[in-house]
Amino acid sequence: MLNLFAYSGGFSVAAAKNGMLTTSVDIAKRSLELIEQNFALNELTLDDHYRYTLDVFDMFKYCYRKKLSYDLIVIDPPSFSRSKKRRFSVKKDYHELVSGAEPIVSANGYLLLSTNASDYTLPQFKKMIEAALDKQSRDFKFVEVMGLPKDFKTTNHYKPSKYLKVVLVKFLD
């Protein structure tokens, strides 16, 4: 499993607890410390669990060069970020993450795509994913499209309260 924008490694810990080998990537050095702490708190060793302090787009290039592929890629970026190299915003740039990840998803693998950008609706998010993947040569299907759980209090009077969007995509090859 490749966990992009890993932060504290929650997805990596869950995957490791279920027997998966993980690679966690975050641009912030502090995140790697948090991942190591969370593995330790969950009584998991870091053997076979890789961690990189790297820009996600640089990780894509690394994966292409090394011919790496993953059964599952998790992409859960912040709504907005800035590094020395670039500015990132979900609405403007997320499609580049989808396009960059697609070539390194294994046959019959999955993309788990998430955003908490409150100014981006679930239909807009799903449409962007579909458009980005339609440009690729692989068949895919949406396995699940989710928002906040029903027991999470939101209101129709304040649309940003429905901020979480998650889409699970399976490649059919």
N, C-alpha and C. Protein backbone atom coordinates (compact mmCIF):
# COMPACT_ATOMS: atom_id res chain seq x y z
N MET A 1 0.85 -1.17 0.00
CA MET A 1 0.00 0.00 0.00
C MET A 1 0.89 1.23 0.00
N LEU A 2 0.56 2.16 -0.84
CA LEU A 2 1.25 3.45 -0.88
C LEU A 2 0.33 4.49 -0.27
N ASN A 3 0.81 5.13 0.78
CA ASN A 3 0.04 6.14 1.50
C ASN A 3 0.66 7.50 1.20
N LEU A 4 -0.01 8.27 0.35
CA LEU A 4 0.49 9.59 -0.03
C LEU A 4 -0.13 10.65 0.88
N PHE A 5 0.66 11.65 1.23
CA PHE A 5 0.25 12.66 2.22
C PHE A 5 -0.03 11.95 3.53
N ALA A 6 0.89 11.12 3.95
CA ALA A 6 0.69 10.17 5.04
C ALA A 6 0.45 10.80 6.40
N TYR A 7 0.97 11.99 6.64
CA TYR A 7 0.87 12.69 7.91
C TYR A 7 1.26 11.78 9.07
N SER A 8 0.34 11.34 9.90
CA SER A 8 0.70 10.52 11.06
C SER A 8 0.66 9.02 10.77
N GLY A 9 0.32 8.66 9.53
CA GLY A 9 0.37 7.27 9.12
C GLY A 9 -0.82 6.42 9.50
N GLY A 10 -1.96 7.02 9.75
CA GLY A 10 -3.15 6.26 10.14
C GLY A 10 -3.52 5.17 9.15
N PHE A 11 -3.53 5.49 7.88
CA PHE A 11 -3.84 4.48 6.86
C PHE A 11 -2.77 3.40 6.84
N SER A 12 -1.52 3.79 7.01
CA SER A 12 -0.41 2.82 7.00
C SER A 12 -0.51 1.87 8.19
N VAL A 13 -0.82 2.40 9.35
CA VAL A 13 -0.97 1.55 10.54
C VAL A 13 -2.11 0.56 10.33
N ALA A 14 -3.24 1.03 9.84
CA ALA A 14 -4.38 0.13 9.61
C ALA A 14 -4.02 -0.96 8.60
N ALA A 15 -3.32 -0.58 7.54
CA ALA A 15 -2.91 -1.56 6.53
C ALA A 15 -1.91 -2.55 7.11
N ALA A 16 -0.94 -2.06 7.87
CA ALA A 16 0.07 -2.93 8.48
C ALA A 16 -0.58 -3.91 9.46
N LYS A 17 -1.56 -3.43 10.21
CA LYS A 17 -2.26 -4.31 11.17
C LYS A 17 -2.99 -5.43 10.44
N ASN A 18 -3.30 -5.19 9.16
CA ASN A 18 -3.99 -6.21 8.36
C ASN A 18 -3.04 -6.95 7.42
N GLY A 19 -1.75 -6.88 7.74
CA GLY A 19 -0.76 -7.69 7.03
C GLY A 19 -0.19 -7.11 5.75
N MET A 20 -0.53 -5.87 5.43
CA MET A 20 0.01 -5.27 4.21
C MET A 20 1.37 -4.64 4.46
N LEU A 21 2.22 -4.66 3.45
CA LEU A 21 3.46 -3.90 3.47
C LEU A 21 3.11 -2.48 3.05
N THR A 22 3.73 -1.49 3.67
CA THR A 22 3.33 -0.12 3.41
C THR A 22 4.51 0.76 3.02
N THR A 23 4.19 1.77 2.25
CA THR A 23 5.11 2.86 1.95
C THR A 23 4.36 4.14 2.25
N SER A 24 4.92 4.96 3.13
CA SER A 24 4.29 6.21 3.55
C SER A 24 5.12 7.38 3.05
N VAL A 25 4.46 8.35 2.46
CA VAL A 25 5.15 9.50 1.87
C VAL A 25 4.51 10.79 2.38
N ASP A 26 5.36 11.67 2.88
CA ASP A 26 4.91 13.00 3.27
C ASP A 26 6.08 13.96 3.10
N ILE A 27 5.79 15.17 2.75
CA ILE A 27 6.84 16.16 2.51
C ILE A 27 7.46 16.67 3.81
N ALA A 28 6.73 16.53 4.92
CA ALA A 28 7.20 17.05 6.21
C ALA A 28 7.98 15.98 6.98
N LYS A 29 9.18 16.32 7.39
CA LYS A 29 10.00 15.39 8.18
C LYS A 29 9.30 14.98 9.47
N ARG A 30 8.60 15.90 10.08
CA ARG A 30 7.89 15.63 11.33
C ARG A 30 6.89 14.48 11.17
N SER A 31 6.32 14.34 9.98
CA SER A 31 5.36 13.27 9.74
C SER A 31 5.99 11.90 9.89
N LEU A 32 7.24 11.75 9.46
CA LEU A 32 7.90 10.45 9.60
C LEU A 32 8.06 10.07 11.06
N GLU A 33 8.33 11.04 11.90
CA GLU A 33 8.42 10.78 13.34
C GLU A 33 7.07 10.33 13.89
N LEU A 34 6.01 10.99 13.44
CA LEU A 34 4.66 10.61 13.89
C LEU A 34 4.31 9.20 13.44
N ILE A 35 4.68 8.85 12.21
CA ILE A 35 4.41 7.50 11.70
C ILE A 35 5.15 6.47 12.55
N GLU A 36 6.41 6.73 12.82
CA GLU A 36 7.20 5.81 13.65
C GLU A 36 6.58 5.66 15.03
N GLN A 37 6.13 6.75 15.62
CA GLN A 37 5.48 6.70 16.93
C GLN A 37 4.19 5.88 16.87
N ASN A 38 3.39 6.10 15.82
CA ASN A 38 2.12 5.38 15.71
C ASN A 38 2.32 3.89 15.46
N PHE A 39 3.35 3.54 14.71
CA PHE A 39 3.66 2.11 14.55
C PHE A 39 4.03 1.52 15.91
N ALA A 40 4.87 2.23 16.67
CA ALA A 40 5.28 1.75 17.99
C ALA A 40 4.09 1.63 18.94
N LEU A 41 3.23 2.63 18.95
CA LEU A 41 2.04 2.59 19.81
C LEU A 41 1.13 1.41 19.49
N ASN A 42 1.16 0.98 18.24
CA ASN A 42 0.35 -0.15 17.81
C ASN A 42 1.13 -1.46 17.80
N GLU A 43 2.31 -1.42 18.45
CA GLU A 43 3.16 -2.60 18.59
C GLU A 43 3.48 -3.25 17.24
N LEU A 44 3.78 -2.39 16.26
CA LEU A 44 4.18 -2.84 14.93
C LEU A 44 5.64 -2.47 14.70
N THR A 45 6.39 -3.38 14.11
CA THR A 45 7.77 -3.03 13.75
C THR A 45 7.74 -2.29 12.42
N LEU A 46 8.81 -1.59 12.14
CA LEU A 46 8.90 -0.86 10.88
C LEU A 46 9.55 -1.68 9.78
N ASP A 47 9.87 -2.96 10.07
CA ASP A 47 10.41 -3.84 9.04
C ASP A 47 9.42 -3.92 7.88
N ASP A 48 9.91 -3.79 6.68
CA ASP A 48 9.07 -3.87 5.47
C ASP A 48 8.04 -2.74 5.36
N HIS A 49 8.22 -1.68 6.13
CA HIS A 49 7.35 -0.51 6.02
C HIS A 49 8.25 0.69 5.75
N TYR A 50 8.14 1.21 4.54
CA TYR A 50 9.05 2.26 4.09
C TYR A 50 8.44 3.63 4.34
N ARG A 51 9.31 4.60 4.58
CA ARG A 51 8.89 5.97 4.83
C ARG A 51 9.79 6.90 4.04
N TYR A 52 9.16 7.87 3.37
CA TYR A 52 9.91 8.84 2.57
C TYR A 52 9.47 10.26 2.90
N THR A 53 10.45 11.13 3.07
CA THR A 53 10.17 12.56 3.13
C THR A 53 10.36 13.07 1.71
N LEU A 54 9.26 13.28 1.02
CA LEU A 54 9.33 13.55 -0.40
C LEU A 54 8.03 14.20 -0.86
N ASP A 55 8.13 15.06 -1.84
CA ASP A 55 6.95 15.60 -2.50
C ASP A 55 6.28 14.44 -3.25
N VAL A 56 4.98 14.36 -3.22
CA VAL A 56 4.24 13.27 -3.85
C VAL A 56 4.56 13.16 -5.34
N PHE A 57 4.67 14.29 -6.02
CA PHE A 57 4.95 14.26 -7.45
C PHE A 57 6.35 13.72 -7.72
N ASP A 58 7.29 13.97 -6.81
CA ASP A 58 8.62 13.38 -6.91
C ASP A 58 8.55 11.87 -6.63
N MET A 59 7.66 11.46 -5.75
CA MET A 59 7.49 10.03 -5.48
C MET A 59 6.97 9.32 -6.72
N PHE A 60 6.05 9.94 -7.44
CA PHE A 60 5.57 9.35 -8.69
C PHE A 60 6.75 9.10 -9.63
N LYS A 61 7.59 10.10 -9.80
CA LYS A 61 8.75 9.95 -10.69
C LYS A 61 9.65 8.82 -10.22
N TYR A 62 9.87 8.73 -8.92
CA TYR A 62 10.69 7.65 -8.34
C TYR A 62 10.07 6.29 -8.67
N CYS A 63 8.76 6.16 -8.48
CA CYS A 63 8.07 4.90 -8.77
C CYS A 63 8.17 4.54 -10.24
N TYR A 64 8.02 5.51 -11.13
CA TYR A 64 8.12 5.23 -12.56
C TYR A 64 9.53 4.71 -12.89
N ARG A 65 10.56 5.40 -12.37
CA ARG A 65 11.95 5.00 -12.63
C ARG A 65 12.25 3.60 -12.11
N LYS A 66 11.76 3.28 -10.92
CA LYS A 66 12.04 2.00 -10.28
C LYS A 66 11.04 0.91 -10.66
N LYS A 67 10.05 1.28 -11.50
CA LYS A 67 9.01 0.35 -11.93
C LYS A 67 8.27 -0.27 -10.73
N LEU A 68 7.96 0.57 -9.77
CA LEU A 68 7.21 0.13 -8.58
C LEU A 68 5.72 0.17 -8.86
N SER A 69 5.00 -0.73 -8.25
CA SER A 69 3.54 -0.69 -8.34
C SER A 69 2.96 -1.12 -6.98
N TYR A 70 1.71 -0.74 -6.77
CA TYR A 70 1.06 -0.97 -5.48
C TYR A 70 -0.36 -1.49 -5.72
N ASP A 71 -0.79 -2.38 -4.84
CA ASP A 71 -2.16 -2.91 -4.90
C ASP A 71 -3.18 -1.87 -4.47
N LEU A 72 -2.76 -0.97 -3.61
CA LEU A 72 -3.64 0.07 -3.08
C LEU A 72 -2.83 1.35 -2.92
N ILE A 73 -3.38 2.43 -3.46
CA ILE A 73 -2.77 3.75 -3.25
C ILE A 73 -3.82 4.63 -2.59
N VAL A 74 -3.45 5.22 -1.45
CA VAL A 74 -4.32 6.13 -0.72
C VAL A 74 -3.84 7.55 -0.98
N ILE A 75 -4.76 8.39 -1.44
CA ILE A 75 -4.44 9.79 -1.70
C ILE A 75 -5.41 10.65 -0.89
N ASP A 76 -4.89 11.28 0.15
CA ASP A 76 -5.71 12.09 1.07
C ASP A 76 -4.95 13.39 1.36
N PRO A 77 -4.90 14.29 0.38
CA PRO A 77 -4.10 15.52 0.55
C PRO A 77 -4.82 16.58 1.37
N PRO A 78 -4.05 17.55 1.86
CA PRO A 78 -4.70 18.72 2.46
C PRO A 78 -5.42 19.49 1.36
N SER A 79 -6.37 20.31 1.74
CA SER A 79 -7.11 21.10 0.74
C SER A 79 -6.20 22.07 0.00
N PHE A 80 -5.17 22.55 0.70
CA PHE A 80 -4.23 23.49 0.12
C PHE A 80 -2.87 23.29 0.78
N SER A 81 -1.82 23.37 -0.01
CA SER A 81 -0.47 23.32 0.57
C SER A 81 0.49 24.08 -0.33
N ARG A 82 1.62 24.41 0.26
CA ARG A 82 2.65 25.14 -0.49
C ARG A 82 4.00 24.56 -0.09
N SER A 83 4.83 24.30 -1.09
CA SER A 83 6.20 23.87 -0.84
C SER A 83 7.12 24.78 -1.63
N LYS A 84 8.41 24.52 -1.56
CA LYS A 84 9.35 25.34 -2.32
C LYS A 84 9.12 25.22 -3.82
N LYS A 85 8.66 24.04 -4.24
CA LYS A 85 8.49 23.76 -5.67
C LYS A 85 7.15 24.20 -6.25
N ARG A 86 6.09 24.12 -5.45
CA ARG A 86 4.76 24.34 -6.03
C ARG A 86 3.71 24.66 -4.98
N ARG A 87 2.59 25.13 -5.48
CA ARG A 87 1.38 25.32 -4.68
C ARG A 87 0.40 24.25 -5.11
N PHE A 88 -0.33 23.72 -4.17
CA PHE A 88 -1.31 22.67 -4.46
C PHE A 88 -2.66 23.06 -3.89
N SER A 89 -3.69 22.89 -4.69
CA SER A 89 -5.05 23.01 -4.17
C SER A 89 -5.88 21.87 -4.75
N VAL A 90 -6.76 21.35 -3.94
CA VAL A 90 -7.56 20.20 -4.35
C VAL A 90 -8.34 20.51 -5.63
N LYS A 91 -9.03 21.63 -5.66
CA LYS A 91 -9.87 21.94 -6.83
C LYS A 91 -9.05 22.07 -8.11
N LYS A 92 -7.88 22.63 -8.02
CA LYS A 92 -7.07 22.91 -9.20
C LYS A 92 -6.17 21.74 -9.60
N ASP A 93 -5.67 20.98 -8.63
CA ASP A 93 -4.59 20.05 -8.91
C ASP A 93 -4.86 18.57 -8.61
N TYR A 94 -5.96 18.24 -7.99
CA TYR A 94 -6.17 16.84 -7.58
C TYR A 94 -6.11 15.89 -8.78
N HIS A 95 -6.61 16.33 -9.93
CA HIS A 95 -6.60 15.46 -11.11
C HIS A 95 -5.19 14.99 -11.46
N GLU A 96 -4.17 15.82 -11.15
CA GLU A 96 -2.78 15.44 -11.39
C GLU A 96 -2.37 14.28 -10.48
N LEU A 97 -2.90 14.25 -9.28
CA LEU A 97 -2.62 13.13 -8.38
C LEU A 97 -3.22 11.84 -8.92
N VAL A 98 -4.45 11.91 -9.40
CA VAL A 98 -5.12 10.74 -9.96
C VAL A 98 -4.34 10.23 -11.18
N SER A 99 -4.00 11.14 -12.08
CA SER A 99 -3.25 10.77 -13.29
C SER A 99 -1.86 10.24 -12.94
N GLY A 100 -1.22 10.82 -11.95
CA GLY A 100 0.11 10.37 -11.55
C GLY A 100 0.11 9.01 -10.88
N ALA A 101 -0.95 8.71 -10.16
CA ALA A 101 -1.03 7.44 -9.44
C ALA A 101 -1.45 6.28 -10.33
N GLU A 102 -2.27 6.54 -11.30
CA GLU A 102 -2.84 5.46 -12.13
C GLU A 102 -1.79 4.51 -12.69
N PRO A 103 -0.67 4.98 -13.24
CA PRO A 103 0.29 4.03 -13.82
C PRO A 103 0.98 3.12 -12.80
N ILE A 104 0.93 3.47 -11.53
CA ILE A 104 1.62 2.64 -10.53
C ILE A 104 0.65 1.81 -9.68
N VAL A 105 -0.61 1.78 -10.07
CA VAL A 105 -1.57 0.88 -9.43
C VAL A 105 -1.44 -0.48 -10.11
N SER A 106 -1.27 -1.53 -9.34
CA SER A 106 -1.14 -2.89 -9.87
C SER A 106 -2.39 -3.31 -10.63
N ALA A 107 -2.26 -4.36 -11.41
CA ALA A 107 -3.42 -4.95 -12.07
C ALA A 107 -4.45 -5.32 -11.02
N ASN A 108 -5.68 -4.97 -11.27
CA ASN A 108 -6.80 -5.20 -10.35
C ASN A 108 -6.62 -4.49 -9.02
N GLY A 109 -5.81 -3.43 -9.01
CA GLY A 109 -5.56 -2.67 -7.79
C GLY A 109 -6.59 -1.57 -7.57
N TYR A 110 -6.37 -0.82 -6.49
CA TYR A 110 -7.33 0.18 -6.05
C TYR A 110 -6.68 1.54 -5.81
N LEU A 111 -7.47 2.58 -6.04
CA LEU A 111 -7.16 3.93 -5.59
C LEU A 111 -8.21 4.32 -4.56
N LEU A 112 -7.76 4.77 -3.40
CA LEU A 112 -8.67 5.31 -2.39
C LEU A 112 -8.41 6.81 -2.38
N LEU A 113 -9.38 7.57 -2.86
CA LEU A 113 -9.23 9.01 -3.07
C LEU A 113 -10.13 9.75 -2.10
N SER A 114 -9.55 10.73 -1.43
CA SER A 114 -10.29 11.43 -0.38
C SER A 114 -9.95 12.91 -0.41
N THR A 115 -10.91 13.72 -0.01
CA THR A 115 -10.67 15.14 0.21
C THR A 115 -11.61 15.66 1.29
N ASN A 116 -11.14 16.66 2.00
CA ASN A 116 -11.99 17.34 2.96
C ASN A 116 -12.20 18.80 2.55
N ALA A 117 -11.97 19.10 1.27
CA ALA A 117 -12.18 20.47 0.77
C ALA A 117 -13.68 20.77 0.79
N SER A 118 -14.06 21.72 1.62
CA SER A 118 -15.50 22.00 1.80
C SER A 118 -16.12 22.72 0.60
N ASP A 119 -15.29 23.30 -0.27
CA ASP A 119 -15.83 24.01 -1.42
C ASP A 119 -15.88 23.14 -2.67
N TYR A 120 -15.76 21.83 -2.50
CA TYR A 120 -15.75 20.87 -3.60
C TYR A 120 -16.80 19.82 -3.29
N THR A 121 -17.86 19.75 -4.07
CA THR A 121 -18.94 18.82 -3.78
C THR A 121 -18.55 17.39 -4.16
N LEU A 122 -19.26 16.43 -3.62
CA LEU A 122 -19.02 15.04 -3.96
C LEU A 122 -19.24 14.78 -5.45
N PRO A 123 -20.32 15.29 -6.05
CA PRO A 123 -20.48 15.09 -7.50
C PRO A 123 -19.32 15.71 -8.32
N GLN A 124 -18.84 16.89 -7.92
CA GLN A 124 -17.70 17.51 -8.61
C GLN A 124 -16.45 16.65 -8.47
N PHE A 125 -16.22 16.14 -7.27
CA PHE A 125 -15.05 15.32 -6.99
C PHE A 125 -15.09 14.04 -7.84
N LYS A 126 -16.23 13.38 -7.83
CA LYS A 126 -16.39 12.14 -8.60
C LYS A 126 -16.21 12.41 -10.10
N LYS A 127 -16.77 13.49 -10.58
CA LYS A 127 -16.66 13.83 -12.01
C LYS A 127 -15.20 14.09 -12.40
N MET A 128 -14.45 14.78 -11.53
CA MET A 128 -13.04 15.05 -11.79
C MET A 128 -12.25 13.74 -11.86
N ILE A 129 -12.51 12.82 -10.94
CA ILE A 129 -11.83 11.53 -10.93
C ILE A 129 -12.11 10.78 -12.22
N GLU A 130 -13.37 10.74 -12.59
CA GLU A 130 -13.77 10.04 -13.81
C GLU A 130 -13.10 10.65 -15.04
N ALA A 131 -13.05 11.96 -15.12
CA ALA A 131 -12.42 12.63 -16.25
C ALA A 131 -10.92 12.32 -16.30
N ALA A 132 -10.26 12.35 -15.16
CA ALA A 132 -8.82 12.06 -15.12
C ALA A 132 -8.55 10.61 -15.53
N LEU A 133 -9.37 9.68 -15.08
CA LEU A 133 -9.15 8.27 -15.40
C LEU A 133 -9.58 7.93 -16.82
N ASP A 134 -10.56 8.64 -17.35
CA ASP A 134 -10.99 8.40 -18.74
C ASP A 134 -9.86 8.71 -19.73
N LYS A 135 -8.93 9.57 -19.35
CA LYS A 135 -7.80 9.92 -20.21
C LYS A 135 -6.76 8.80 -20.24
N GLN A 136 -6.85 7.86 -19.31
CA GLN A 136 -5.91 6.74 -19.24
C GLN A 136 -6.46 5.59 -20.09
N SER A 137 -5.67 4.55 -20.25
CA SER A 137 -6.08 3.45 -21.13
C SER A 137 -6.66 2.25 -20.37
N ARG A 138 -6.88 2.39 -19.07
CA ARG A 138 -7.35 1.25 -18.27
C ARG A 138 -8.82 1.38 -17.94
N ASP A 139 -9.47 0.22 -17.87
CA ASP A 139 -10.85 0.20 -17.42
C ASP A 139 -10.88 0.26 -15.90
N PHE A 140 -11.91 0.90 -15.37
CA PHE A 140 -12.05 1.05 -13.93
C PHE A 140 -13.52 1.10 -13.57
N LYS A 141 -13.78 0.92 -12.28
CA LYS A 141 -15.15 1.12 -11.80
C LYS A 141 -15.08 1.76 -10.42
N PHE A 142 -16.13 2.50 -10.10
CA PHE A 142 -16.27 3.06 -8.76
C PHE A 142 -16.83 1.96 -7.88
N VAL A 143 -16.09 1.58 -6.87
CA VAL A 143 -16.53 0.52 -5.96
C VAL A 143 -17.43 1.12 -4.88
N GLU A 144 -17.02 2.28 -4.39
CA GLU A 144 -17.78 2.93 -3.33
C GLU A 144 -17.55 4.43 -3.39
N VAL A 145 -18.60 5.18 -3.11
CA VAL A 145 -18.54 6.64 -3.03
C VAL A 145 -19.17 7.00 -1.69
N MET A 146 -18.38 7.69 -0.85
CA MET A 146 -18.84 7.93 0.52
C MET A 146 -18.63 9.39 0.93
N GLY A 147 -19.39 9.78 1.91
CA GLY A 147 -19.20 11.06 2.59
C GLY A 147 -19.06 10.78 4.08
N LEU A 148 -19.43 11.74 4.85
CA LEU A 148 -19.40 11.54 6.30
C LEU A 148 -20.41 10.48 6.70
N PRO A 149 -20.15 9.73 7.76
CA PRO A 149 -21.13 8.74 8.21
C PRO A 149 -22.43 9.43 8.65
N LYS A 150 -23.50 8.67 8.58
CA LYS A 150 -24.83 9.23 8.90
C LYS A 150 -24.91 9.78 10.32
N ASP A 151 -24.13 9.21 11.23
CA ASP A 151 -24.21 9.68 12.62
C ASP A 151 -23.33 10.91 12.88
N PHE A 152 -22.68 11.43 11.83
CA PHE A 152 -21.89 12.65 11.97
C PHE A 152 -22.79 13.83 11.66
N LYS A 153 -22.97 14.71 12.62
CA LYS A 153 -23.94 15.80 12.50
C LYS A 153 -23.53 16.81 11.42
N THR A 154 -24.39 16.99 10.44
CA THR A 154 -24.23 18.02 9.41
C THR A 154 -25.57 18.72 9.25
N THR A 155 -25.58 19.76 8.46
CA THR A 155 -26.83 20.46 8.21
C THR A 155 -26.91 20.88 6.76
N ASN A 156 -28.09 20.80 6.19
CA ASN A 156 -28.30 21.25 4.81
C ASN A 156 -28.21 22.77 4.71
N HIS A 157 -28.32 23.46 5.84
CA HIS A 157 -28.26 24.92 5.85
C HIS A 157 -26.83 25.45 5.79
N TYR A 158 -25.85 24.55 6.00
CA TYR A 158 -24.44 24.95 5.95
C TYR A 158 -23.68 23.87 5.18
N LYS A 159 -23.64 24.04 3.86
CA LYS A 159 -23.06 23.02 2.97
C LYS A 159 -21.63 22.61 3.35
N PRO A 160 -20.76 23.54 3.80
CA PRO A 160 -19.39 23.10 4.15
C PRO A 160 -19.32 22.07 5.26
N SER A 161 -20.43 21.86 6.00
CA SER A 161 -20.40 20.86 7.06
C SER A 161 -20.30 19.44 6.48
N LYS A 162 -20.57 19.31 5.19
CA LYS A 162 -20.46 18.00 4.52
C LYS A 162 -19.15 17.96 3.72
N TYR A 163 -18.06 18.12 4.42
CA TYR A 163 -16.76 18.32 3.79
C TYR A 163 -16.09 17.05 3.30
N LEU A 164 -16.33 15.90 3.90
CA LEU A 164 -15.57 14.70 3.56
C LEU A 164 -16.15 13.99 2.34
N LYS A 165 -15.26 13.67 1.40
CA LYS A 165 -15.62 12.92 0.22
C LYS A 165 -14.57 11.82 0.03
N VAL A 166 -15.03 10.58 -0.18
CA VAL A 166 -14.13 9.45 -0.36
C VAL A 166 -14.65 8.60 -1.51
N VAL A 167 -13.74 8.25 -2.43
CA VAL A 167 -14.11 7.43 -3.58
C VAL A 167 -13.10 6.28 -3.69
N LEU A 168 -13.60 5.07 -3.77
CA LEU A 168 -12.76 3.90 -3.97
C LEU A 168 -12.93 3.43 -5.41
N VAL A 169 -11.79 3.38 -6.13
CA VAL A 169 -11.78 2.99 -7.54
C VAL A 169 -11.03 1.68 -7.68
N LYS A 170 -11.57 0.77 -8.46
CA LYS A 170 -10.89 -0.51 -8.77
C LYS A 170 -10.56 -0.52 -10.26
N PHE A 171 -9.34 -0.93 -10.56
CA PHE A 171 -8.93 -1.09 -11.96
C PHE A 171 -9.25 -2.51 -12.40
N LEU A 172 -9.79 -2.63 -13.59
CA LEU A 172 -10.29 -3.92 -14.08
C LEU A 172 -9.33 -4.51 -15.10
N ASP A 173 -8.15 -4.89 -14.65
CA ASP A 173 -7.19 -5.50 -15.59
C ASP A 173 -6.37 -6.58 -14.94
